[in-house]
Amino acid sequence: MVQQNRLSHALLFLGKEGTGGLSMARAFVQYIVCEKVNGKPSNNIENESPSLFGEEPVNNTTPIESEHFTDSCGICAACVKSSKLIHPDIHFSYPVVKKNSGDKPVSTDYIVEWRQFMEEEPYGNSFDWLQSIKAENKQGNITANECNDIIRKMSLKSFESEYKFLIIWMPELLGNEGNKLLKLIEEPPPNTVFILVAENEDLIIPTILSRTQLIKLGPLRSIDIEAALELREGASVEKATSIAALSEGNYHEALQQLKHAEDDWEILLRDWLNSIIKSGPAAQVKWVEEISKIGREKQKQFLKYFNYLLEHAIRLKAIGDISAIEENSKQASMNDFAQRFNKMCDVGQQEAIIKELDLATYYIERNANAKILFHALTIKIYHIISNKSVILMQ
């Protein structure tokens, strides 16, 4: 788009959690403001300052056509400012919460925390962000006050770049107040670019959605996640391969799994299923007490682990003969579990359990009471397995 001079004034980067939509938006605007991409002289002091001996300053920068670059240089003044989130023409809008009762917060109130969050967790999700600003159980929003601040900022002229940008992260949390931005998005000032970074298209208000050009971001390749875990996080080859398969194209999920890689989910899962099928209510209550103490992130990882094993069981049932599959120790354990579960449940039952696990994960992310949730989930799975009941009350 940049090279062919057809840059839209409003873009929607749409991709599921962990696909890097926000990182892509940041890289995109950095490419546009990059001085080498634009063929502009560098602000390097060494090139521009006169010599001690009186010679004329030498400018070694030769304008280069942007099509020769597929990425920003990363070293010019504009790139450095962009990477540090201090470029005066690149603005951000993101969910915030009130610090005190009666406050009318805007994104810039949290700019220090935002810069730190982007440096430490560039693939972080909205839950991570809200926890980093100590939101606790508060719901983050992009408020009407924030919309007014956006209108004010975007009406100003650009300071250094040819363009000025606004990156709106999680526009799903922009309620009806977002209608304040309609005129600005539809008829922006010259050289103004809006980039919305979203995970769920259905939650964006239609009036804004219709004014953007959609760019879909697919899940990351397992081989890329595996390489990143090995090179950036120092994970072993076997661990990186296993986590990359479990993460299903979600790098945020892969990092969370690596963080909890030493947790033995298999033992916890076997204890749970034994309490459901054999041991009875007393063992179930004891198990629920244990899992309710481990924290939401670990609870989510456990449910996703169970979910992955069920999907693996369904795949093995479809394949039939697995004798030809190359196995490491981890794969062998997964195959053993999958075969045992296939003898106990048919595909319909497994799909019903997967649906319940997805719902439980959704509710955990929204601060559901862990004891109540896992008690209810235990009862549902008992009925699915014992009574072959796949139709549950919603």
Protein backbone atom coordinates (compact mmCIF):
# COMPACT_ATOMS: atom_id res chain seq x y z
CA MET A 1 0.00 0.00 0.00
CA VAL A 2 2.78 2.42 0.89
CA GLN A 3 4.91 1.62 -2.13
CA GLN A 4 1.97 1.94 -4.52
CA ASN A 5 0.69 5.13 -2.84
CA ARG A 6 -2.70 3.69 -1.92
CA LEU A 7 -2.57 3.94 1.84
CA SER A 8 -6.09 3.99 3.30
CA HIS A 9 -6.90 6.56 5.97
CA ALA A 10 -8.57 3.94 8.22
CA LEU A 11 -7.35 0.33 8.57
CA LEU A 12 -8.59 -2.53 10.72
CA PHE A 13 -5.96 -5.13 11.66
CA LEU A 14 -8.06 -8.13 12.65
CA GLY A 15 -6.42 -11.16 14.23
CA LYS A 16 -7.00 -13.46 17.18
CA GLU A 17 -5.10 -13.06 20.43
CA GLY A 18 -1.40 -13.84 20.07
CA THR A 19 -1.18 -13.22 16.32
CA GLY A 20 0.70 -9.95 16.83
CA GLY A 21 -1.80 -7.38 15.55
CA LEU A 22 -0.47 -4.61 17.79
CA SER A 23 3.15 -5.44 16.96
CA MET A 24 2.23 -5.40 13.27
CA ALA A 25 0.57 -1.98 13.61
CA ARG A 26 3.63 -0.57 15.37
CA ALA A 27 5.97 -1.99 12.74
CA PHE A 28 3.73 -0.63 9.97
CA VAL A 29 3.72 2.96 11.21
CA GLN A 30 7.45 2.78 11.91
CA TYR A 31 7.98 1.75 8.29
CA ILE A 32 6.00 4.76 7.09
CA VAL A 33 7.86 7.29 9.25
CA CYS A 34 11.30 5.73 8.67
CA GLU A 35 13.67 8.33 7.21
CA LYS A 36 15.54 5.87 5.01
CA VAL A 37 12.33 4.45 3.58
CA ASN A 38 11.22 8.01 2.80
CA GLY A 39 14.61 8.93 1.39
CA LYS A 40 14.94 11.80 3.86
CA PRO A 41 18.29 13.00 5.21
CA SER A 42 19.22 11.42 8.51
CA ASN A 43 19.21 13.45 11.70
CA ASN A 44 22.52 11.83 12.62
CA ILE A 45 24.62 14.52 14.31
CA GLU A 46 27.81 13.10 12.85
CA ASN A 47 26.58 13.78 9.33
CA GLU A 48 25.19 17.24 9.95
CA SER A 49 27.67 18.93 12.33
CA PRO A 50 30.61 20.90 10.89
CA SER A 51 34.08 19.42 11.29
CA LEU A 52 36.53 20.71 13.87
CA PHE A 53 38.78 21.68 10.94
CA GLY A 54 36.18 23.76 9.13
CA GLU A 55 35.18 21.43 6.28
CA GLU A 56 31.61 21.49 5.10
CA PRO A 57 29.39 18.86 6.74
CA VAL A 58 29.06 15.71 4.69
CA ASN A 59 25.67 14.11 4.24
CA ASN A 60 26.17 10.44 3.37
CA THR A 61 22.44 9.74 3.07
CA THR A 62 21.27 9.23 -0.48
CA PRO A 63 17.53 9.25 -1.11
CA ILE A 64 16.39 5.69 -1.78
CA GLU A 65 13.07 4.64 -3.23
CA SER A 66 10.80 3.03 -0.64
CA GLU A 67 10.28 -0.09 -2.77
CA HIS A 68 13.90 -1.05 -2.00
CA PHE A 69 12.91 -1.47 1.64
CA THR A 70 10.56 -4.11 2.98
CA ASP A 71 10.99 -2.91 6.56
CA SER A 72 12.10 0.17 8.47
CA CYS A 73 15.81 0.66 9.07
CA GLY A 74 15.44 0.67 12.85
CA ILE A 75 18.34 3.10 13.40
CA CYS A 76 17.22 6.51 12.15
CA ALA A 77 15.86 9.08 14.59
CA ALA A 78 12.24 8.42 13.56
CA CYS A 79 12.61 4.66 14.00
CA VAL A 80 14.24 5.02 17.41
CA LYS A 81 11.46 7.34 18.61
CA SER A 82 8.82 5.03 17.17
CA SER A 83 10.27 1.93 18.84
CA LYS A 84 10.39 3.74 22.19
CA LEU A 85 6.81 4.99 21.74
CA ILE A 86 7.89 8.64 21.96
CA HIS A 87 7.36 9.72 18.34
CA PRO A 88 5.23 12.90 18.46
CA ASP A 89 3.13 11.89 15.44
CA ILE A 90 2.24 8.35 16.61
CA HIS A 91 -0.59 8.27 19.14
CA PHE A 92 -2.16 5.32 20.96
CA SER A 93 -5.58 4.72 22.43
CA TYR A 94 -6.25 1.72 24.68
CA PRO A 95 -8.59 0.58 27.48
CA VAL A 96 -8.11 2.36 30.81
CA VAL A 97 -9.77 2.41 34.22
CA LYS A 98 -10.42 5.11 36.80
CA LYS A 99 -7.61 5.59 39.29
CA ASN A 100 -9.93 7.36 41.72
CA SER A 101 -13.67 7.85 41.99
CA GLY A 102 -14.82 10.70 39.78
CA ASP A 103 -11.80 10.53 37.46
CA LYS A 104 -12.21 10.85 33.70
CA PRO A 105 -9.17 8.89 32.54
CA VAL A 106 -7.62 9.03 29.07
CA SER A 107 -4.90 6.86 27.55
CA THR A 108 -2.13 9.42 28.04
CA ASP A 109 -2.67 9.18 31.81
CA TYR A 110 -1.15 5.69 31.56
CA ILE A 111 1.54 6.38 28.95
CA VAL A 112 4.44 5.41 31.26
CA GLU A 113 2.78 2.09 32.10
CA TRP A 114 1.92 1.58 28.42
CA ARG A 115 5.53 1.99 27.29
CA GLN A 116 6.70 -0.45 29.93
CA PHE A 117 3.98 -2.96 29.00
CA MET A 118 4.86 -2.77 25.29
CA GLU A 119 8.53 -3.36 26.07
CA GLU A 120 7.90 -6.33 28.36
CA GLU A 121 4.85 -7.95 26.75
CA PRO A 122 4.46 -6.96 23.09
CA TYR A 123 2.13 -9.98 22.60
CA GLY A 124 0.20 -9.35 25.82
CA ASN A 125 -3.59 -9.36 25.81
CA SER A 126 -6.09 -6.95 27.37
CA PHE A 127 -6.20 -8.97 30.59
CA ASP A 128 -2.41 -8.67 30.95
CA TRP A 129 -2.60 -4.93 30.33
CA LEU A 130 -5.34 -4.32 32.88
CA GLN A 131 -3.49 -6.40 35.47
CA SER A 132 -0.30 -4.40 34.82
CA ILE A 133 -2.12 -1.16 35.72
CA LYS A 134 -3.66 -2.83 38.80
CA ALA A 135 -7.21 -2.67 37.45
CA GLU A 136 -8.08 -5.73 39.57
CA ASN A 137 -11.70 -6.59 38.70
CA LYS A 138 -12.47 -3.32 36.93
CA GLN A 139 -13.54 -3.41 33.28
CA GLY A 140 -11.31 -1.38 30.98
CA ASN A 141 -12.99 0.94 28.49
CA ILE A 142 -12.25 3.50 25.81
CA THR A 143 -14.44 6.31 27.12
CA ALA A 144 -16.24 9.35 25.71
CA ASN A 145 -13.58 11.50 27.34
CA GLU A 146 -10.95 9.53 25.44
CA CYS A 147 -12.83 10.13 22.18
CA ASN A 148 -12.80 13.88 22.83
CA ASP A 149 -9.05 13.70 23.48
CA ILE A 150 -8.57 11.79 20.22
CA ILE A 151 -10.44 14.48 18.27
CA ARG A 152 -8.26 17.16 19.86
CA LYS A 153 -4.96 15.37 19.17
CA MET A 154 -5.77 14.39 15.59
CA SER A 155 -6.80 17.94 14.68
CA LEU A 156 -3.21 19.10 15.28
CA LYS A 157 -0.63 19.23 12.50
CA SER A 158 2.08 16.61 12.38
CA PHE A 159 5.37 17.60 14.00
CA GLU A 160 8.05 15.55 12.24
CA SER A 161 6.51 12.99 9.92
CA GLU A 162 4.54 13.52 6.75
CA TYR A 163 1.73 11.53 8.41
CA LYS A 164 0.22 11.39 11.88
CA PHE A 165 -1.21 8.15 13.24
CA LEU A 166 -3.64 6.90 15.83
CA ILE A 167 -3.49 3.22 16.80
CA ILE A 168 -6.64 2.15 18.66
CA TRP A 169 -6.06 -1.14 20.49
CA MET A 170 -9.13 -3.20 21.39
CA PRO A 171 -11.80 -1.06 19.66
CA GLU A 172 -14.24 -3.75 20.86
CA LEU A 173 -14.25 -1.82 24.16
CA LEU A 174 -15.28 1.36 22.39
CA GLY A 175 -19.01 1.61 23.12
CA ASN A 176 -21.57 3.94 21.60
CA GLU A 177 -19.24 6.78 22.57
CA GLY A 178 -17.28 5.77 19.49
CA ASN A 179 -19.89 7.48 17.33
CA LYS A 180 -18.14 10.72 18.32
CA LEU A 181 -15.27 9.60 16.06
CA LEU A 182 -17.33 8.85 12.96
CA LYS A 183 -16.89 12.18 11.21
CA LEU A 184 -13.17 12.28 12.03
CA ILE A 185 -12.59 8.74 10.69
CA GLU A 186 -14.71 9.33 7.58
CA GLU A 187 -13.24 12.74 6.75
CA PRO A 188 -9.89 12.97 8.55
CA PRO A 189 -7.43 15.85 8.20
CA PRO A 190 -4.85 15.39 5.41
CA ASN A 191 -2.21 12.67 5.94
CA THR A 192 -3.98 11.22 8.98
CA VAL A 193 -4.11 7.44 9.39
CA PHE A 194 -6.26 5.47 11.84
CA ILE A 195 -5.31 1.87 12.63
CA LEU A 196 -7.72 -0.24 14.68
CA VAL A 197 -6.24 -3.42 16.15
CA ALA A 198 -9.00 -5.88 17.07
CA GLU A 199 -9.57 -9.55 17.93
CA ASN A 200 -13.35 -9.81 17.48
CA GLU A 201 -14.95 -8.07 14.51
CA ASP A 202 -18.49 -8.68 15.83
CA LEU A 203 -17.93 -6.52 18.93
CA ILE A 204 -16.92 -3.38 17.01
CA ILE A 205 -19.75 -0.91 16.51
CA PRO A 206 -20.93 -1.25 12.87
CA THR A 207 -20.73 2.47 12.09
CA ILE A 208 -16.97 2.45 12.71
CA LEU A 209 -16.42 -0.98 11.17
CA SER A 210 -17.96 0.13 7.88
CA ARG A 211 -15.47 3.01 7.61
CA THR A 212 -12.32 0.88 7.77
CA GLN A 213 -10.37 -1.25 5.32
CA LEU A 214 -10.08 -4.79 6.71
CA ILE A 215 -6.71 -6.53 6.89
CA LYS A 216 -6.92 -10.05 8.36
CA LEU A 217 -3.98 -11.51 10.27
CA GLY A 218 -3.88 -15.30 10.35
CA PRO A 219 -2.50 -17.47 13.16
CA LEU A 220 1.27 -17.77 13.36
CA ARG A 221 2.93 -20.88 11.95
CA SER A 222 3.94 -23.49 14.50
CA ILE A 223 7.45 -23.57 13.06
CA ASP A 224 7.83 -19.82 13.67
CA ILE A 225 6.56 -20.08 17.25
CA GLU A 226 8.90 -23.03 17.83
CA ALA A 227 11.88 -21.04 16.51
CA ALA A 228 10.98 -17.97 18.60
CA LEU A 229 10.70 -20.05 21.78
CA GLU A 230 14.12 -21.60 21.14
CA LEU A 231 15.98 -18.45 20.06
CA ARG A 232 14.31 -15.77 22.20
CA GLU A 233 13.21 -17.70 25.27
CA GLY A 234 15.90 -20.38 25.43
CA ALA A 235 13.46 -23.30 25.39
CA SER A 236 14.70 -26.78 24.52
CA VAL A 237 13.81 -28.19 21.09
CA GLU A 238 11.42 -30.81 22.54
CA LYS A 239 9.67 -28.31 24.81
CA ALA A 240 9.41 -25.69 22.04
CA THR A 241 7.94 -28.25 19.62
CA SER A 242 5.34 -29.43 22.15
CA ILE A 243 4.32 -25.90 23.17
CA ALA A 244 4.13 -24.69 19.56
CA ALA A 245 1.70 -27.51 18.75
CA LEU A 246 -0.44 -26.73 21.81
CA SER A 247 -0.55 -22.97 21.19
CA GLU A 248 -2.36 -23.27 17.82
CA GLY A 249 -0.81 -20.15 16.28
CA ASN A 250 -1.11 -18.01 19.44
CA TYR A 251 2.30 -16.72 20.58
CA HIS A 252 0.86 -15.22 23.76
CA GLU A 253 -0.51 -18.64 24.63
CA ALA A 254 2.87 -20.21 23.83
CA LEU A 255 4.63 -17.84 26.26
CA GLN A 256 2.08 -18.63 28.97
CA GLN A 257 2.60 -22.35 28.46
CA LEU A 258 6.36 -21.92 28.63
CA LYS A 259 5.95 -19.97 31.86
CA HIS A 260 3.99 -22.88 33.35
CA ALA A 261 5.84 -25.65 31.52
CA GLU A 262 6.99 -27.31 34.72
CA ASP A 263 3.42 -27.76 35.95
CA ASP A 264 2.33 -31.38 35.56
CA TRP A 265 -1.11 -30.97 34.02
CA GLU A 266 -1.30 -34.67 33.14
CA ILE A 267 -1.34 -35.78 36.80
CA LEU A 268 -3.87 -33.09 37.69
CA LEU A 269 -6.10 -34.16 34.78
CA ARG A 270 -5.91 -37.86 35.68
CA ASP A 271 -6.86 -37.07 39.29
CA TRP A 272 -9.82 -35.04 38.08
CA LEU A 273 -11.12 -37.71 35.72
CA ASN A 274 -10.65 -40.44 38.34
CA SER A 275 -12.66 -38.39 40.83
CA ILE A 276 -15.42 -37.95 38.23
CA ILE A 277 -15.59 -41.56 37.05
CA LYS A 278 -14.53 -43.62 40.08
CA SER A 279 -13.92 -41.85 43.38
CA GLY A 280 -17.08 -39.80 43.78
CA PRO A 281 -18.13 -36.46 45.35
CA ALA A 282 -15.60 -36.37 48.23
CA ALA A 283 -12.64 -36.68 45.85
CA GLN A 284 -14.24 -34.15 43.50
CA VAL A 285 -14.60 -31.56 46.28
CA LYS A 286 -10.98 -32.09 47.30
CA TRP A 287 -9.79 -31.68 43.70
CA VAL A 288 -11.85 -28.49 43.21
CA GLU A 289 -10.34 -27.05 46.40
CA GLU A 290 -6.85 -27.67 45.02
CA ILE A 291 -7.37 -26.17 41.57
CA SER A 292 -9.19 -23.12 42.92
CA LYS A 293 -5.95 -22.09 44.68
CA ILE A 294 -3.60 -22.08 41.66
CA GLY A 295 -4.67 -18.79 40.06
CA ARG A 296 -6.56 -17.90 36.89
CA GLU A 297 -3.70 -18.12 34.42
CA LYS A 298 -2.79 -21.65 35.52
CA GLN A 299 -6.45 -22.66 35.50
CA LYS A 300 -6.71 -21.45 31.90
CA GLN A 301 -3.55 -23.34 30.94
CA PHE A 302 -4.89 -26.52 32.51
CA LEU A 303 -8.23 -26.28 30.64
CA LYS A 304 -6.45 -25.59 27.36
CA TYR A 305 -4.20 -28.59 27.96
CA PHE A 306 -7.26 -30.81 28.45
CA ASN A 307 -8.84 -29.24 25.38
CA TYR A 308 -5.79 -30.01 23.27
CA LEU A 309 -5.72 -33.64 24.43
CA LEU A 310 -9.37 -34.05 23.47
CA GLU A 311 -8.75 -32.61 20.03
CA HIS A 312 -5.75 -34.95 19.73
CA ALA A 313 -7.98 -37.89 20.69
CA ILE A 314 -10.48 -36.95 17.97
CA ARG A 315 -7.66 -36.74 15.40
CA LEU A 316 -6.31 -40.15 16.43
CA LYS A 317 -9.77 -41.68 16.11
CA ALA A 318 -9.99 -40.26 12.58
CA ILE A 319 -6.53 -41.61 11.68
CA GLY A 320 -7.24 -45.08 13.09
CA ASP A 321 -3.86 -46.83 13.03
CA ILE A 322 -1.24 -44.73 14.88
CA SER A 323 1.55 -47.32 14.79
CA ALA A 324 3.33 -45.42 12.02
CA ILE A 325 3.40 -42.12 13.95
CA GLU A 326 6.85 -41.19 15.19
CA GLU A 327 6.69 -40.66 18.96
CA ASN A 328 8.82 -38.99 21.56
CA SER A 329 8.11 -39.52 25.27
CA LYS A 330 5.65 -36.63 25.39
CA GLN A 331 3.83 -37.77 22.26
CA ALA A 332 3.62 -41.35 23.53
CA SER A 333 2.01 -40.18 26.77
CA MET A 334 -0.51 -38.05 24.86
CA ASN A 335 -1.34 -40.94 22.53
CA ASP A 336 -1.87 -43.29 25.48
CA PHE A 337 -4.25 -40.83 27.13
CA ALA A 338 -6.09 -40.21 23.85
CA GLN A 339 -6.58 -43.94 23.21
CA ARG A 340 -7.93 -44.49 26.73
CA PHE A 341 -10.31 -41.58 26.38
CA ASN A 342 -11.49 -42.79 22.97
CA LYS A 343 -12.55 -46.08 24.56
CA MET A 344 -14.55 -44.19 27.16
CA CYS A 345 -16.19 -41.47 25.01
CA ASP A 346 -17.31 -41.12 21.42
CA VAL A 347 -16.61 -38.06 19.27
CA GLY A 348 -19.92 -36.41 20.15
CA GLN A 349 -19.16 -36.62 23.87
CA GLN A 350 -15.63 -35.28 23.38
CA GLU A 351 -16.94 -32.34 21.36
CA ALA A 352 -19.44 -31.58 24.13
CA ILE A 353 -16.64 -31.56 26.71
CA ILE A 354 -14.53 -29.27 24.49
CA LYS A 355 -17.44 -26.83 24.32
CA GLU A 356 -17.76 -26.82 28.11
CA LEU A 357 -14.01 -26.28 28.54
CA ASP A 358 -14.12 -23.32 26.14
CA LEU A 359 -16.99 -21.79 28.11
CA ALA A 360 -15.14 -22.33 31.39
CA THR A 361 -12.04 -20.59 30.00
CA TYR A 362 -14.22 -17.69 28.87
CA TYR A 363 -15.71 -17.31 32.35
CA ILE A 364 -12.33 -17.56 34.09
CA GLU A 365 -11.10 -14.63 31.99
CA ARG A 366 -14.08 -12.70 33.36
CA ASN A 367 -13.28 -13.39 37.00
CA ALA A 368 -15.74 -16.22 37.64
CA ASN A 369 -15.61 -17.83 41.08
CA ALA A 370 -13.23 -20.76 40.59
CA LYS A 371 -14.87 -23.12 43.10
CA ILE A 372 -18.36 -22.67 41.67
CA LEU A 373 -17.10 -22.89 38.09
CA PHE A 374 -15.10 -26.11 38.55
CA HIS A 375 -17.85 -27.73 40.64
CA ALA A 376 -20.33 -27.02 37.83
CA LEU A 377 -17.85 -28.19 35.18
CA THR A 378 -17.20 -31.42 37.10
CA ILE A 379 -20.94 -32.19 37.24
CA LYS A 380 -21.37 -31.45 33.52
CA ILE A 381 -18.46 -33.68 32.51
CA TYR A 382 -19.80 -36.46 34.77
CA HIS A 383 -23.16 -36.38 32.97
CA ILE A 384 -21.53 -36.22 29.54
CA ILE A 385 -19.35 -39.26 30.26
CA SER A 386 -21.68 -41.35 32.44
CA ASN A 387 -25.03 -40.61 30.84
CA LYS A 388 -23.74 -39.84 27.35
CA SER A 389 -25.54 -36.54 27.63
CA VAL A 390 -24.26 -34.06 25.05
CA ILE A 391 -27.15 -31.59 25.26
CA LEU A 392 -26.71 -29.43 28.33
CA MET A 393 -28.66 -26.48 29.63
CA GLN A 394 -27.07 -23.23 28.49
